[in-house]
Amino acid sequence: MIYGASVVYSSFLWRQGFRRDNHINYGILLAGFGFHTLAMMLRGFTLQRCPIHNLFEASMFIGWAMVIALLVLGLLPRLRFLGAFASPWLFGLGVFALMPKLDEPGARLALSEGWFSLHASLIFLAYGALGLGAVAAFMFLLQEHDLKFHKFRALFSLFPPIQRLEWLTSRLLLGGMGLLSAGLVIGFLWLKHEKGVFYQSDPKIHWSILVWLFYLAMLVLHARFAQRGRRFAWGAVGGFLFVLLTFWGFNLFSALHHPP
């Protein structure tokens, strides 16, 4: 409900062209983060485990990671507007998590509890960073569109310069890739410990490798071959949309991550 209130307030910021700092929206997101954190803590203490074992908990963890990054970036006034763009994503994740049969308490990984918690936490934190990278890239596309068509909103808004948005996008994607790589390495090492192999044919593992390769290719092209601007931004947005739309299906079809 609080993230929904942020969406409503953000709509007014959009109409005003972000011509003033949005302390109120930052405060709304901060309040939502407080309740979000409390809910996850209570669930974790009640179930005696890290609350990241099913699709409901995964959705909530990704949203929680995004809010943490938003609040940290929001300490800089010139980046506080990110909350207005990210709040619809947070609200959408929350609504999705309330869908029937996502919260299945019996779902467990074959990996031991402690290592799974570390593996999954790093992966979901990575998705949070990649999600914010997509938000920054979306804002880059809006700013570029306004500049291209000579709209005054681009001149008087609180958006950072378009070059800074591209820089922010690349740094968020780089941070997300670092977290994703660490999470995958831990998963492969523990798979060796549990199953005796570093790799096992599994839909979710194949999907995770594909996502990792996609973002690696994007960052290499951006750094080495000057693949910048609009194409880079569309890649960041499209990549995260792919993650959002396909994660749940591959997770359900994975015998390793979602045992019957």
Protein backbone atom coordinates (compact mmCIF):
# COMPACT_ATOMS: atom_id res chain seq x y z
CA MET A 1 0.00 0.00 0.00
CA ILE A 2 2.83 2.41 0.80
CA TYR A 3 4.57 1.68 -2.50
CA GLY A 4 1.22 2.28 -4.19
CA ALA A 5 1.05 5.68 -2.49
CA SER A 6 4.51 6.38 -3.92
CA VAL A 7 3.19 5.56 -7.40
CA VAL A 8 0.31 8.03 -6.95
CA TYR A 9 2.59 10.79 -5.69
CA SER A 10 5.12 10.05 -8.44
CA SER A 11 2.43 10.68 -11.04
CA PHE A 12 2.25 14.30 -9.83
CA LEU A 13 6.05 14.60 -10.08
CA TRP A 14 5.85 13.35 -13.65
CA ARG A 15 3.21 15.95 -14.53
CA GLN A 16 5.33 18.71 -13.02
CA GLY A 17 8.36 17.62 -15.03
CA PHE A 18 10.49 16.98 -11.90
CA ARG A 19 11.10 20.69 -11.51
CA ARG A 20 11.55 20.31 -7.76
CA ASP A 21 13.22 17.85 -5.45
CA ASN A 22 10.98 15.07 -4.21
CA HIS A 23 11.73 14.71 -0.49
CA ILE A 24 8.17 13.52 0.13
CA ASN A 25 8.47 10.56 -2.22
CA TYR A 26 11.81 9.64 -0.64
CA GLY A 27 10.11 9.64 2.76
CA ILE A 28 7.27 7.45 1.45
CA LEU A 29 9.74 4.91 0.10
CA LEU A 30 11.67 5.01 3.38
CA ALA A 31 8.46 4.21 5.30
CA GLY A 32 7.66 1.38 2.90
CA PHE A 33 11.18 0.02 3.35
CA GLY A 34 10.72 -0.02 7.12
CA PHE A 35 7.56 -2.14 6.95
CA HIS A 36 9.07 -4.26 4.17
CA THR A 37 12.14 -5.04 6.30
CA LEU A 38 10.03 -5.76 9.37
CA ALA A 39 7.82 -8.18 7.43
CA MET A 40 10.82 -10.07 6.06
CA MET A 41 12.43 -10.27 9.50
CA LEU A 42 9.26 -11.57 11.12
CA ARG A 43 8.82 -14.17 8.40
CA GLY A 44 12.45 -15.26 8.71
CA PHE A 45 12.26 -15.62 12.49
CA THR A 46 8.94 -17.46 12.26
CA LEU A 47 10.16 -19.96 9.65
CA GLN A 48 13.68 -20.13 11.13
CA ARG A 49 15.31 -19.55 7.75
CA CYS A 50 16.20 -16.83 5.28
CA PRO A 51 12.92 -15.94 3.52
CA ILE A 52 14.00 -16.62 -0.07
CA HIS A 53 12.68 -20.15 -0.75
CA ASN A 54 9.71 -19.60 -3.06
CA LEU A 55 8.46 -17.14 -5.67
CA PHE A 56 6.64 -14.96 -3.13
CA GLU A 57 9.77 -14.57 -1.04
CA ALA A 58 11.99 -14.11 -4.11
CA SER A 59 9.76 -11.29 -5.37
CA MET A 60 9.84 -9.57 -2.00
CA PHE A 61 13.61 -9.92 -1.71
CA ILE A 62 14.25 -8.43 -5.16
CA GLY A 63 11.99 -5.48 -4.31
CA TRP A 64 13.71 -5.04 -0.95
CA ALA A 65 17.14 -4.98 -2.63
CA MET A 66 15.92 -2.35 -5.11
CA VAL A 67 14.63 -0.13 -2.30
CA ILE A 68 17.96 -0.33 -0.46
CA ALA A 69 19.79 0.85 -3.56
CA LEU A 70 17.19 3.57 -4.17
CA LEU A 71 17.54 4.93 -0.65
CA VAL A 72 21.33 4.97 -0.85
CA LEU A 73 21.33 6.70 -4.24
CA GLY A 74 18.61 9.03 -2.99
CA LEU A 75 21.03 10.51 -0.47
CA LEU A 76 22.30 12.48 -3.47
CA PRO A 77 19.59 15.04 -4.32
CA ARG A 78 20.29 14.81 -8.04
CA LEU A 79 19.51 11.07 -7.99
CA ARG A 80 16.48 11.18 -5.70
CA PHE A 81 14.11 11.26 -8.67
CA LEU A 82 14.96 7.57 -9.28
CA GLY A 83 12.34 6.65 -6.71
CA ALA A 84 9.56 8.11 -8.84
CA PHE A 85 10.55 5.85 -11.72
CA ALA A 86 11.17 2.74 -9.63
CA SER A 87 8.01 2.88 -7.48
CA PRO A 88 5.76 1.36 -10.21
CA TRP A 89 8.19 -1.57 -10.47
CA LEU A 90 8.11 -2.05 -6.69
CA PHE A 91 4.33 -1.85 -6.59
CA GLY A 92 4.07 -4.30 -9.50
CA LEU A 93 6.39 -6.78 -7.78
CA GLY A 94 4.31 -6.55 -4.63
CA VAL A 95 1.06 -7.19 -6.49
CA PHE A 96 2.62 -10.08 -8.40
CA ALA A 97 3.86 -11.67 -5.18
CA LEU A 98 0.27 -11.80 -3.89
CA MET A 99 -0.81 -14.04 -6.76
CA PRO A 100 -2.26 -17.40 -5.60
CA LYS A 101 0.06 -20.39 -5.09
CA LEU A 102 3.29 -18.41 -5.18
CA ASP A 103 3.77 -18.76 -1.43
CA GLU A 104 4.36 -22.50 -1.13
CA PRO A 105 5.99 -23.27 2.25
CA GLY A 106 7.19 -26.71 1.22
CA ALA A 107 9.52 -25.57 -1.56
CA ARG A 108 13.18 -26.32 -0.78
CA LEU A 109 16.47 -26.42 -2.58
CA ALA A 110 18.66 -29.47 -2.59
CA LEU A 111 21.50 -27.29 -1.33
CA SER A 112 22.08 -26.87 2.38
CA GLU A 113 20.39 -23.98 4.08
CA GLY A 114 23.28 -21.67 4.88
CA TRP A 115 24.99 -21.81 1.50
CA PHE A 116 21.70 -21.58 -0.34
CA SER A 117 20.82 -18.44 1.61
CA LEU A 118 24.12 -16.81 0.62
CA HIS A 119 23.83 -17.95 -3.00
CA ALA A 120 20.23 -16.78 -3.39
CA SER A 121 20.77 -13.52 -1.50
CA LEU A 122 23.61 -12.49 -3.82
CA ILE A 123 21.57 -13.44 -6.89
CA PHE A 124 18.53 -11.41 -5.78
CA LEU A 125 20.69 -8.44 -4.81
CA ALA A 126 22.13 -8.64 -8.33
CA TYR A 127 18.63 -8.54 -9.82
CA GLY A 128 17.88 -5.49 -7.69
CA ALA A 129 20.95 -3.69 -9.07
CA LEU A 130 20.10 -4.73 -12.64
CA GLY A 131 16.55 -3.49 -12.09
CA LEU A 132 17.78 -0.06 -11.02
CA GLY A 133 20.09 -0.06 -14.02
CA ALA A 134 17.02 -0.60 -16.19
CA VAL A 135 15.27 2.31 -14.43
CA ALA A 136 18.25 4.60 -15.11
CA ALA A 137 18.35 3.41 -18.73
CA PHE A 138 14.63 4.13 -19.13
CA MET A 139 15.21 7.65 -17.87
CA PHE A 140 18.08 8.00 -20.35
CA LEU A 141 15.66 7.11 -23.15
CA LEU A 142 13.12 9.67 -21.91
CA GLN A 143 15.75 12.38 -21.62
CA GLU A 144 17.11 11.57 -25.08
CA HIS A 145 13.59 11.71 -26.54
CA ASP A 146 12.93 15.11 -24.96
CA LEU A 147 16.24 16.51 -26.18
CA LYS A 148 15.72 15.12 -29.65
CA PHE A 149 12.34 16.81 -29.97
CA HIS A 150 13.50 20.00 -28.19
CA LYS A 151 11.10 19.69 -25.29
CA PHE A 152 11.64 22.25 -22.52
CA ARG A 153 10.96 19.58 -19.90
CA ALA A 154 14.46 18.23 -20.52
CA LEU A 155 15.96 21.64 -19.73
CA PHE A 156 14.06 22.42 -16.55
CA SER A 157 13.72 19.00 -14.94
CA LEU A 158 15.91 17.66 -12.15
CA PHE A 159 17.22 14.84 -14.32
CA PRO A 160 21.00 14.54 -14.40
CA PRO A 161 22.75 15.15 -17.72
CA ILE A 162 22.18 12.37 -20.22
CA GLN A 163 25.87 11.36 -20.00
CA ARG A 164 25.54 10.89 -16.23
CA LEU A 165 22.49 8.67 -16.71
CA GLU A 166 24.47 6.44 -19.05
CA TRP A 167 27.34 6.35 -16.54
CA LEU A 168 24.91 5.45 -13.76
CA THR A 169 23.35 2.70 -15.88
CA SER A 170 26.72 1.13 -16.66
CA ARG A 171 27.84 1.24 -13.01
CA LEU A 172 24.61 -0.36 -11.77
CA LEU A 173 24.88 -3.09 -14.39
CA LEU A 174 28.52 -3.63 -13.47
CA GLY A 175 27.63 -3.95 -9.79
CA GLY A 176 24.79 -6.32 -10.63
CA MET A 177 27.13 -8.45 -12.74
CA GLY A 178 29.60 -8.66 -9.85
CA LEU A 179 26.91 -9.85 -7.44
CA LEU A 180 25.47 -12.24 -10.04
CA SER A 181 28.91 -13.73 -10.74
CA ALA A 182 29.60 -14.24 -7.03
CA GLY A 183 26.21 -15.88 -6.51
CA LEU A 184 26.71 -18.24 -9.46
CA VAL A 185 30.21 -19.20 -8.34
CA ILE A 186 28.95 -20.07 -4.86
CA GLY A 187 26.12 -22.08 -6.40
CA PHE A 188 28.49 -24.09 -8.63
CA LEU A 189 30.95 -24.72 -5.78
CA TRP A 190 28.23 -25.99 -3.50
CA LEU A 191 26.75 -28.08 -6.30
CA LYS A 192 30.15 -29.77 -6.45
CA HIS A 193 29.99 -30.35 -2.70
CA GLU A 194 26.42 -31.73 -2.79
CA LYS A 195 26.31 -33.58 -6.12
CA GLY A 196 29.97 -34.13 -6.92
CA VAL A 197 29.79 -32.05 -10.12
CA PHE A 198 30.27 -28.36 -10.91
CA TYR A 199 27.49 -28.37 -13.48
CA GLN A 200 24.12 -30.06 -13.71
CA SER A 201 21.69 -29.89 -16.62
CA ASP A 202 18.81 -27.83 -15.25
CA PRO A 203 16.55 -25.20 -16.89
CA LYS A 204 17.26 -22.59 -14.20
CA ILE A 205 21.03 -23.07 -14.49
CA HIS A 206 20.85 -22.75 -18.28
CA TRP A 207 18.74 -19.59 -17.91
CA SER A 208 21.12 -18.06 -15.34
CA ILE A 209 24.13 -18.65 -17.60
CA LEU A 210 22.24 -17.07 -20.52
CA VAL A 211 21.42 -13.96 -18.43
CA TRP A 212 25.04 -13.71 -17.26
CA LEU A 213 26.36 -13.97 -20.83
CA PHE A 214 23.88 -11.35 -22.05
CA TYR A 215 24.93 -8.75 -19.49
CA LEU A 216 28.61 -9.61 -19.96
CA ALA A 217 28.28 -9.02 -23.70
CA MET A 218 26.49 -5.71 -23.07
CA LEU A 219 29.22 -4.44 -20.74
CA VAL A 220 32.06 -5.60 -23.02
CA LEU A 221 30.45 -3.93 -26.04
CA HIS A 222 29.91 -0.77 -24.01
CA ALA A 223 33.48 -0.63 -22.71
CA ARG A 224 35.47 -1.88 -25.70
CA PHE A 225 33.42 -1.17 -28.80
CA ALA A 226 31.70 2.08 -27.87
CA GLN A 227 28.26 0.48 -27.93
CA ARG A 228 26.68 3.38 -26.07
CA GLY A 229 23.67 5.62 -25.92
CA ARG A 230 20.29 4.43 -27.09
CA ARG A 231 21.26 0.84 -27.91
CA PHE A 232 22.92 0.33 -24.55
CA ALA A 233 19.90 1.77 -22.75
CA TRP A 234 17.45 -0.43 -24.67
CA GLY A 235 19.63 -3.44 -23.87
CA ALA A 236 19.49 -2.66 -20.14
CA VAL A 237 15.70 -2.22 -20.19
CA GLY A 238 15.06 -5.25 -22.39
CA GLY A 239 17.43 -7.46 -20.41
CA PHE A 240 15.71 -6.78 -17.11
CA LEU A 241 12.26 -7.21 -18.64
CA PHE A 242 13.41 -10.61 -19.87
CA VAL A 243 14.58 -11.48 -16.34
CA LEU A 244 11.26 -10.39 -14.83
CA LEU A 245 9.10 -12.22 -17.34
CA THR A 246 11.02 -15.51 -17.47
CA PHE A 247 12.54 -15.98 -14.00
CA TRP A 248 9.38 -17.40 -12.47
CA GLY A 249 8.73 -19.95 -15.22
CA PHE A 250 12.27 -21.33 -15.29
CA ASN A 251 12.29 -21.47 -11.49
CA LEU A 252 9.11 -23.57 -11.49
CA PHE A 253 10.49 -25.97 -14.13
CA SER A 254 13.78 -26.40 -12.25
CA ALA A 255 13.97 -29.67 -10.34
CA LEU A 256 17.00 -28.36 -8.46
CA HIS A 257 15.51 -25.04 -7.39
CA HIS A 258 11.90 -26.13 -7.08
CA PRO A 259 11.83 -29.82 -6.13
CA PRO A 260 8.46 -31.61 -6.26
